[in-house]
Protein backbone atom coordinates (compact mmCIF):
# COMPACT_ATOMS: atom_id res chain seq x y z
CA MET A 1 10.51 6.90 24.97
CA GLN A 2 14.04 7.49 23.67
CA LYS A 3 14.00 8.82 20.14
CA ASN A 4 15.76 6.94 17.38
CA ARG A 5 18.37 9.26 15.85
CA GLU A 6 19.63 7.01 13.04
CA PRO A 7 18.49 8.12 9.57
CA SER A 8 14.78 7.48 9.37
CA PRO A 9 12.88 5.98 6.44
CA ARG A 10 11.19 9.36 6.08
CA ARG A 11 14.51 11.23 5.95
CA LEU A 12 16.03 8.86 3.41
CA ARG A 13 12.91 8.95 1.28
CA VAL A 14 12.78 12.76 1.40
CA ARG A 15 16.30 12.88 0.05
CA CYS A 16 15.06 10.61 -2.70
CA TYR A 17 12.14 12.98 -3.43
CA ALA A 18 14.47 15.96 -3.70
CA ALA A 19 16.81 14.08 -6.02
CA ALA A 20 14.17 12.12 -7.92
CA ALA A 21 14.45 14.06 -11.14
CA ALA A 22 18.23 14.07 -10.95
CA VAL A 23 18.19 10.32 -10.37
CA LEU A 24 16.02 9.89 -13.43
CA ALA A 25 18.38 12.00 -15.48
CA ALA A 26 21.44 10.17 -14.24
CA CYS A 27 19.82 6.85 -15.04
CA CYS A 28 19.33 7.98 -18.60
CA SER A 29 22.59 9.75 -19.18
CA ALA A 30 25.98 8.95 -20.65
CA PRO A 31 29.12 11.03 -20.61
CA ALA A 32 28.93 13.68 -23.31
CA ALA A 33 31.98 12.34 -25.14
CA ILE A 34 30.46 8.87 -25.38
CA ALA A 35 27.13 10.27 -26.57
CA ALA A 36 28.84 12.33 -29.24
CA ALA A 37 30.88 9.35 -30.44
CA THR A 38 28.00 6.91 -30.67
CA ASP A 39 25.36 9.44 -31.70
CA PRO A 40 22.30 7.38 -30.64
CA GLU A 41 18.90 8.39 -31.91
CA PRO A 42 16.65 10.49 -29.64
CA VAL A 43 14.50 8.24 -27.49
CA ARG A 44 10.74 8.36 -27.80
CA LEU A 45 9.39 6.92 -24.57
CA ALA A 46 6.52 4.45 -24.90
CA PRO A 47 4.61 3.27 -21.80
CA PRO A 48 3.79 -0.45 -21.66
CA GLU A 49 0.47 -1.18 -23.32
CA PRO A 50 -2.42 -1.78 -20.90
CA ALA A 51 -3.56 -5.39 -20.80
CA GLY A 52 -7.23 -4.82 -20.00
CA PRO A 53 -10.20 -5.33 -22.31
CA TYR A 54 -10.68 -1.62 -23.08
CA ALA A 55 -8.82 1.03 -24.99
CA VAL A 56 -8.00 4.11 -22.89
CA GLY A 57 -9.08 7.74 -23.16
CA GLN A 58 -7.84 10.82 -21.37
CA VAL A 59 -9.05 14.35 -20.66
CA ARG A 60 -7.50 17.20 -18.65
CA LEU A 61 -9.60 19.09 -16.12
CA HIS A 62 -8.71 22.44 -14.57
CA LEU A 63 -10.39 22.76 -11.17
CA VAL A 64 -10.37 25.88 -9.00
CA ASP A 65 -10.97 26.30 -5.28
CA GLU A 66 -11.53 30.04 -4.90
CA GLY A 67 -11.30 30.00 -1.12
CA ARG A 68 -7.97 28.25 -0.66
CA GLY A 69 -4.39 29.26 -1.39
CA HIS A 70 -1.21 27.54 -0.24
CA PRO A 71 0.73 27.91 3.04
CA TRP A 72 4.11 28.19 1.24
CA VAL A 73 3.14 30.69 -1.43
CA GLU A 74 2.59 34.26 -0.28
CA GLY A 75 -0.31 35.89 -2.06
CA ALA A 76 -1.84 32.66 -3.32
CA GLU A 77 -5.55 33.24 -2.82
CA ARG A 78 -7.01 30.38 -4.82
CA ARG A 79 -6.09 26.78 -5.53
CA ASP A 80 -5.64 25.82 -9.19
CA LEU A 81 -5.65 22.07 -9.62
CA MET A 82 -4.93 20.09 -12.78
CA VAL A 83 -6.35 16.59 -13.09
CA THR A 84 -5.95 14.03 -15.85
CA LEU A 85 -8.95 11.71 -16.01
CA TRP A 86 -8.15 8.34 -17.59
CA TYR A 87 -11.08 6.08 -18.52
CA PRO A 88 -12.10 3.04 -20.61
CA ALA A 89 -12.65 4.25 -24.15
CA ALA A 90 -14.05 3.10 -27.46
CA GLU A 91 -11.55 1.82 -30.01
CA GLY A 92 -10.20 4.23 -32.60
CA GLY A 93 -10.56 7.25 -30.35
CA GLY A 94 -8.17 9.57 -32.15
CA GLU A 95 -4.92 11.37 -31.35
CA ARG A 96 -2.75 9.88 -28.63
CA ALA A 97 -1.85 12.20 -25.77
CA ARG A 98 1.65 13.47 -25.06
CA TYR A 99 3.53 11.72 -22.28
CA VAL A 100 4.25 15.02 -20.52
CA PRO A 101 3.20 18.62 -21.30
CA GLU A 102 5.69 21.18 -22.54
CA ALA A 103 6.39 22.67 -19.10
CA VAL A 104 7.35 19.29 -17.65
CA GLU A 105 9.38 18.51 -20.77
CA GLY A 106 11.40 21.65 -20.11
CA VAL A 107 12.11 20.58 -16.53
CA LEU A 108 13.29 17.14 -17.60
CA ASP A 109 15.36 18.54 -20.47
CA GLY A 110 17.15 20.89 -18.10
CA GLU A 111 17.89 18.17 -15.60
CA LEU A 112 19.28 15.91 -18.32
CA GLU A 113 21.53 18.72 -19.51
CA GLN A 114 22.80 19.30 -15.99
CA ALA A 115 23.76 15.62 -15.90
CA GLY A 116 25.85 16.06 -19.06
CA LEU A 117 23.34 14.72 -21.59
CA SER A 118 22.29 16.62 -24.70
CA ARG A 119 18.89 18.27 -24.50
CA GLU A 120 18.14 16.49 -27.79
CA ALA A 121 18.77 13.00 -26.40
CA ILE A 122 15.17 12.29 -25.39
CA ASP A 123 12.29 13.30 -27.57
CA PHE A 124 9.73 14.18 -24.92
CA ALA A 125 7.64 16.14 -27.42
CA GLY A 126 7.35 13.01 -29.56
CA SER A 127 6.73 10.60 -26.68
CA ARG A 128 3.10 9.46 -26.55
CA VAL A 129 1.00 7.46 -24.13
CA ASN A 130 -1.51 4.81 -25.17
CA ALA A 131 -4.55 6.96 -24.31
CA ALA A 132 -6.50 8.91 -26.92
CA ILE A 133 -7.45 12.51 -26.12
CA GLY A 134 -11.19 12.94 -25.57
CA ALA A 135 -12.13 9.51 -26.89
CA ASP A 136 -15.72 8.36 -26.45
CA PRO A 137 -16.30 6.21 -23.36
CA ALA A 138 -16.32 2.49 -24.13
CA PRO A 139 -19.84 1.18 -24.75
CA GLY A 140 -20.96 -0.88 -21.78
CA ALA A 141 -18.02 0.12 -19.58
CA GLY A 142 -20.15 1.93 -16.99
CA PRO A 143 -20.74 2.24 -14.19
CA MET A 144 -17.05 3.01 -13.68
CA PRO A 145 -15.62 2.86 -10.14
CA VAL A 146 -13.51 5.95 -9.46
CA LEU A 147 -9.88 6.01 -8.32
CA LEU A 148 -7.80 9.00 -7.22
CA TYR A 149 -4.02 9.11 -7.66
CA SER A 150 -1.64 11.29 -5.61
CA HIS A 151 2.03 11.70 -6.64
CA GLY A 152 5.14 11.98 -4.49
CA PHE A 153 7.13 15.15 -3.80
CA ASN A 154 8.83 16.72 -6.83
CA GLN A 155 6.97 14.35 -9.13
CA THR A 156 3.97 14.97 -11.37
CA ARG A 157 0.64 13.32 -12.09
CA HIS A 158 2.10 12.08 -15.39
CA GLN A 159 4.73 9.80 -13.85
CA ALA A 160 2.51 6.81 -13.04
CA THR A 161 1.26 6.27 -16.58
CA ALA A 162 1.75 2.49 -16.60
CA GLN A 163 -0.52 2.06 -13.57
CA LEU A 164 -3.08 4.69 -14.59
CA GLU A 165 -3.55 3.29 -18.08
CA GLU A 166 -3.82 -0.28 -16.84
CA LEU A 167 -6.56 0.57 -14.35
CA ALA A 168 -8.46 2.58 -16.95
CA GLY A 169 -8.19 -0.32 -19.37
CA ARG A 170 -9.70 -2.53 -16.68
CA GLY A 171 -12.79 -0.34 -16.44
CA TYR A 172 -11.89 2.28 -13.83
CA ALA A 173 -12.09 6.06 -14.15
CA VAL A 174 -8.79 7.24 -12.68
CA ALA A 175 -8.30 10.88 -11.66
CA ALA A 176 -4.59 11.67 -11.37
CA MET A 177 -4.11 15.04 -9.70
CA ASP A 178 -1.12 17.33 -9.53
CA HIS A 179 -0.46 19.02 -6.19
CA PRO A 180 0.78 22.48 -7.30
CA TYR A 181 3.91 23.86 -5.62
CA GLU A 182 4.98 20.29 -4.72
CA SER A 183 4.93 19.07 -8.32
CA SER A 184 7.97 19.98 -10.44
CA ALA A 185 5.74 21.93 -12.86
CA VAL A 186 1.98 22.24 -13.37
CA GLU A 187 0.89 23.70 -16.71
CA LEU A 188 -2.50 25.44 -16.68
CA PRO A 189 -4.69 25.87 -19.78
CA ASP A 190 -4.15 29.65 -19.81
CA GLY A 191 -0.39 29.17 -20.14
CA ARG A 192 0.60 29.75 -16.54
CA VAL A 193 3.07 27.29 -15.03
CA LEU A 194 3.11 26.67 -11.29
CA ARG A 195 6.59 25.61 -10.19
CA ASP A 196 7.86 23.58 -7.27
CA SER A 197 8.00 25.78 -4.15
CA VAL A 198 8.81 23.18 -1.49
CA PRO A 199 10.69 24.93 1.35
CA GLY A 200 14.44 24.40 1.49
CA GLY A 201 14.26 22.60 4.83
CA MET A 202 11.85 20.08 3.42
CA ASP A 203 12.66 17.26 5.85
CA THR A 204 10.52 18.62 8.67
CA ALA A 205 7.42 17.32 10.33
CA GLU A 206 5.72 20.71 10.05
CA MET A 207 6.25 20.84 6.28
CA TYR A 208 4.78 17.39 5.84
CA ARG A 209 1.84 18.20 8.09
CA GLU A 210 1.04 21.30 6.03
CA ALA A 211 1.53 19.55 2.72
CA THR A 212 -0.63 16.60 3.69
CA GLY A 213 -3.46 18.86 4.77
CA VAL A 214 -3.36 20.65 1.41
CA ARG A 215 -3.27 17.33 -0.45
CA VAL A 216 -6.26 15.92 1.46
CA ALA A 217 -8.24 19.04 0.57
CA ASP A 218 -7.20 18.55 -3.07
CA ALA A 219 -8.64 15.02 -3.00
CA GLY A 220 -11.92 16.34 -1.61
CA LEU A 221 -12.08 18.99 -4.34
CA VAL A 222 -11.60 16.35 -7.04
CA LEU A 223 -14.32 14.11 -5.60
CA ASP A 224 -16.70 17.06 -5.38
CA ALA A 225 -16.01 17.88 -9.03
CA LEU A 226 -16.54 14.30 -10.18
CA GLU A 227 -19.82 14.14 -8.28
CA GLU A 228 -20.92 17.30 -10.07
CA ALA A 229 -19.93 15.77 -13.41
CA ALA A 230 -21.83 12.57 -12.60
CA ALA A 231 -24.92 14.67 -11.89
CA GLY A 232 -24.68 16.29 -15.32
CA GLY A 233 -22.80 19.46 -14.39
CA ASP A 234 -19.54 20.92 -15.67
CA PRO A 235 -17.18 21.38 -12.71
CA ALA A 236 -14.09 22.42 -14.67
CA ALA A 237 -12.82 25.96 -15.13
CA GLY A 238 -10.94 24.87 -18.22
CA GLY A 239 -9.09 22.05 -19.89
CA ASP A 240 -10.80 19.49 -22.14
CA PRO A 241 -14.56 19.01 -22.42
CA LEU A 242 -15.88 15.78 -20.95
CA PRO A 243 -16.90 13.35 -23.71
CA ASP A 244 -20.63 12.73 -23.93
CA GLY A 245 -21.72 10.09 -21.46
CA LEU A 246 -18.55 10.00 -19.39
CA GLY A 247 -19.92 11.92 -16.40
CA ALA A 248 -23.03 9.74 -16.24
CA ALA A 249 -20.87 6.59 -16.34
CA LEU A 250 -18.92 7.53 -13.18
CA ASP A 251 -19.81 5.46 -10.11
CA LEU A 252 -19.14 7.68 -7.10
CA SER A 253 -20.53 5.03 -4.76
CA SER A 254 -17.30 3.03 -5.32
CA VAL A 255 -14.21 5.16 -4.75
CA GLY A 256 -10.61 4.19 -4.09
CA MET A 257 -7.39 6.15 -3.72
CA PHE A 258 -3.72 5.27 -4.12
CA GLY A 259 -0.47 7.15 -4.17
CA HIS A 260 3.28 6.79 -4.33
CA SER A 261 5.60 8.00 -1.58
CA ALA A 262 4.02 11.11 0.00
CA GLY A 263 0.96 10.26 -2.06
CA GLY A 264 0.58 7.06 -0.05
CA LEU A 265 0.39 9.03 3.19
CA THR A 266 -2.10 11.32 1.45
CA ALA A 267 -4.32 8.34 0.63
CA ALA A 268 -4.29 7.14 4.25
CA GLU A 269 -5.04 10.60 5.63
CA ALA A 270 -7.75 11.27 3.04
CA MET A 271 -9.56 8.10 4.10
CA LEU A 272 -9.80 9.47 7.63
CA ALA A 273 -11.08 12.81 6.39
CA ASP A 274 -13.50 11.63 3.70
CA ASP A 275 -15.76 8.63 4.10
CA ARG A 276 -16.49 8.62 0.36
CA ILE A 277 -13.18 6.74 -0.12
CA ASP A 278 -13.86 3.02 0.30
CA ALA A 279 -10.33 1.58 -0.07
CA GLY A 280 -6.78 2.92 -0.26
CA ALA A 281 -3.25 1.93 -1.20
CA ASP A 282 0.20 3.23 -0.30
CA LEU A 283 3.05 2.52 -2.72
CA ASP A 284 6.21 2.60 -0.60
CA GLY A 285 5.40 5.80 1.28
CA SER A 286 6.14 6.45 4.95
CA LEU A 287 3.00 6.81 7.06
CA ALA A 288 4.27 9.54 9.35
CA TYR A 289 5.32 13.18 9.27
CA HIS A 290 8.78 12.21 10.59
CA VAL A 291 9.61 8.69 11.74
CA GLY A 292 12.97 9.52 13.36
CA ASP A 293 11.42 12.23 15.55
CA GLU A 294 8.31 10.11 16.21
CA GLU A 295 6.08 12.74 14.64
CA TRP A 296 3.17 10.51 13.72
CA ALA A 297 0.35 11.33 11.37
CA GLU A 298 -3.26 10.80 12.38
CA SER A 299 -3.37 7.69 10.20
CA THR A 300 -0.30 6.27 11.93
CA LEU A 301 -2.21 6.29 15.21
CA ARG A 302 -5.73 5.52 13.98
CA GLY A 303 -5.05 3.24 11.03
CA ALA A 304 -7.84 2.64 8.54
CA ASP A 305 -11.33 1.26 9.11
CA ARG A 306 -11.68 0.28 5.44
CA PRO A 307 -9.45 -1.96 3.29
CA PHE A 308 -5.92 -0.72 2.71
CA LEU A 309 -2.92 -2.01 0.72
CA LEU A 310 0.68 -1.40 1.79
CA PHE A 311 3.06 -2.20 -1.07
CA GLY A 312 6.72 -1.71 -0.19
CA ALA A 313 9.98 -2.30 -2.00
CA GLY A 314 13.66 -2.76 -1.26
CA THR A 315 15.15 -1.37 1.90
CA SER A 316 14.55 1.54 4.24
CA GLY A 317 16.48 3.17 7.05
CA GLY A 318 20.19 3.41 7.84
CA ARG A 319 20.58 -0.30 8.47
CA GLY A 320 19.21 -1.42 5.12
CA HIS A 321 16.32 -3.44 6.50
CA PRO A 322 13.46 -4.38 4.18
CA HIS A 323 10.80 -1.69 3.92
CA THR A 324 8.11 -3.71 5.67
CA SER A 325 6.10 -3.33 8.86
CA GLU A 326 8.57 -5.61 10.61
CA TYR A 327 11.20 -2.86 10.51
CA SER A 328 9.20 0.32 9.86
CA PRO A 329 7.43 1.50 13.02
CA ASP A 330 5.00 3.75 11.14
CA TRP A 331 3.71 0.84 9.04
CA ARG A 332 3.52 -1.44 12.10
CA MET A 333 1.58 1.17 14.10
CA PHE A 334 -0.79 1.70 11.17
CA ARG A 335 -1.44 -2.02 10.83
CA ASP A 336 -1.96 -2.49 14.58
CA ALA A 337 -4.39 0.44 14.75
CA SER A 338 -6.43 -0.52 11.69
CA ALA A 339 -9.91 -1.97 12.10
CA GLY A 340 -10.15 -2.58 8.36
CA GLU A 341 -8.35 -5.28 6.42
CA VAL A 342 -4.71 -4.44 5.64
CA LEU A 343 -2.83 -6.34 2.94
CA GLU A 344 0.95 -5.89 2.93
CA LEU A 345 3.16 -6.83 -0.01
CA HIS A 346 6.90 -6.43 -0.57
CA LEU A 347 8.99 -6.31 -3.75
CA ALA A 348 12.38 -7.29 -2.32
CA LYS A 349 14.52 -6.56 -5.40
CA GLY A 350 12.72 -3.31 -6.21
CA GLU A 351 13.34 0.16 -4.83
CA HIS A 352 11.39 3.33 -4.13
CA MET A 353 11.32 4.93 -7.60
CA GLY A 354 10.31 1.65 -9.23
CA PHE A 355 6.68 2.39 -8.34
CA ILE A 356 6.57 5.15 -10.94
CA ASP A 357 7.45 5.26 -14.63
CA THR A 358 11.17 5.15 -13.89
CA GLN A 359 10.73 1.37 -13.78
CA TRP A 360 10.00 1.08 -17.52
CA TYR A 361 11.62 4.36 -18.57
CA VAL A 362 15.21 3.38 -17.74
CA PRO A 363 15.34 0.13 -19.77
CA GLN A 364 14.00 1.90 -22.85
CA VAL A 365 16.68 4.58 -22.64
CA GLU A 366 19.37 1.97 -22.05
CA ALA A 367 18.18 -0.08 -25.02
CA ALA A 368 18.49 3.00 -27.23
CA GLY A 369 22.19 3.26 -26.44
CA TRP A 370 22.24 5.88 -23.69
CA THR A 371 24.29 3.99 -21.11
CA GLY A 372 26.97 4.87 -18.61
CA GLY A 373 29.60 3.34 -16.35
CA PRO A 374 29.57 2.07 -12.78
CA VAL A 375 28.08 5.28 -11.36
CA TRP A 376 25.15 4.96 -13.75
CA ARG A 377 24.58 1.35 -12.71
CA GLN A 378 24.76 2.23 -9.02
CA THR A 379 22.26 5.04 -9.52
CA VAL A 380 19.87 2.76 -11.37
CA GLU A 381 20.01 0.11 -8.67
CA ALA A 382 19.52 2.67 -5.89
CA SER A 383 16.52 4.10 -7.73
CA ILE A 384 14.64 1.07 -9.05
CA GLY A 385 16.57 -1.93 -7.74
CA THR A 386 17.55 -5.04 -9.66
CA VAL A 387 14.11 -6.54 -10.26
CA ASP A 388 13.18 -7.36 -13.84
CA ALA A 389 11.35 -4.28 -15.10
CA GLY A 390 8.66 -6.16 -17.01
CA ARG A 391 7.85 -8.42 -14.08
CA SER A 392 7.78 -5.45 -11.69
CA VAL A 393 5.32 -3.47 -13.82
CA ALA A 394 3.15 -6.55 -14.34
CA ALA A 395 3.06 -7.31 -10.62
CA GLN A 396 2.17 -3.76 -9.62
CA ARG A 397 -0.61 -3.64 -12.18
CA ALA A 398 -1.96 -7.06 -11.18
CA TYR A 399 -2.08 -6.46 -7.42
CA LEU A 400 -3.49 -2.93 -7.64
CA THR A 401 -6.22 -4.13 -10.00
CA ALA A 402 -7.03 -7.18 -7.90
CA PHE A 403 -7.16 -5.13 -4.69
CA PHE A 404 -9.59 -2.57 -6.06
CA ASP A 405 -11.62 -5.22 -7.91
CA GLU A 406 -12.21 -7.04 -4.66
CA HIS A 407 -12.94 -4.03 -2.47
CA LEU A 408 -14.75 -1.72 -4.89
CA ARG A 409 -16.45 -4.16 -7.23
CA GLY A 410 -16.97 -6.98 -4.74
CA GLU A 411 -15.25 -9.47 -7.06
CA GLU A 412 -13.20 -12.08 -5.25
CA ARG A 413 -9.59 -12.16 -6.44
CA PRO A 414 -7.58 -15.27 -5.39
CA LEU A 415 -4.37 -13.39 -6.28
CA LEU A 416 -4.76 -11.60 -2.93
CA ASP A 417 -4.83 -14.85 -0.95
CA GLY A 418 -1.12 -15.61 -1.03
CA PRO A 419 2.08 -15.78 -3.11
CA SER A 420 1.62 -16.42 -6.82
CA PRO A 421 3.99 -18.18 -9.24
CA ASP A 422 2.95 -15.55 -11.79
CA HIS A 423 4.58 -12.83 -9.66
CA PRO A 424 7.54 -14.49 -7.92
CA ASP A 425 9.15 -11.18 -6.92
CA VAL A 426 6.29 -10.26 -4.56
CA SER A 427 6.14 -11.48 -0.95
CA PHE A 428 3.17 -11.36 1.43
CA ILE A 429 3.96 -9.87 4.83
CA ASP A 430 2.02 -11.16 7.86
């Protein structure tokens, strides 16, 4: 078969991964002269409040795999993994957690400065999430189905807060894991910081194959640790202690996994490798190692034999076609090969980075007075599209919750049956 040499969805999305932090900074920035003249107040970011019946708690777990290093890092002999576990919590749980740790704050500050914005413009240290650190589990919330979250390249586990908090507030225990050396910065409890070490030629099938294998093993390590916690053990090498009763409330017989971008491919591959995962979701990620070179992943060819959600946005590829299975061969092959139910949704006016916190982050910064000219507007639209931010966040939360409710809890959700007037921006793809 002749290979397609136009820019592939994978190639375009990889460029987006490499520039993701810069895009975020550009979206938030204004020329220095304008900033100095208007002197807006530093922005304290505030994630949208979860709409579920429960308050939300959070703990950090440091997991260690002594027998596994990393293929890109010479001398790495063990795998240090940081996980944030979000869960339904009792009201009045205490101190709210920081949005990002200090190491990630430093990365974002530096990128903002490179874009011409003062390092003081955004108060990351003062930005808080809705979750309370170490709060008691909500009475009556168990058993809690378990969800894993996998981030995209050059992102962190902290950048899907709106989705993670919503699912926890709906009664799920959500384990968001960093993938060290692909994440921009991973801060360990002992003070070490593991930085991004993605190879310079990152748009290669071999790099993605290696990275995906490491990520799938990470997912298995997290599930092993949560099973140990559910049995009464303490799987963590450090971090925060599990609140009393949380381990026993975990329901490891109902497990789902979702991810954004490369994390979506990770979810599909992990389902093939680990039959503990009962349902998966891919948020706008290519399902191949390299589409243009027809380097397919195992999931591209085998699909999924359990329920799977494909949720795309905007366009993909050099011709600007919608990112749907109609135009993306990897998604079409996955759907054709799948024995399990596949639901495909599309957010036409959204774009790739709108599936993470950039979607709500940008409007808050803009509202605080940090705006720019035409280049800023073009960058925003290329990153998150033109969809209304509130409607986009609400739709993502609603469909993810409904999908996992139906396939992990066995609760029928009519929202999944067809288009809804409550979420007019979302289309169903046959």
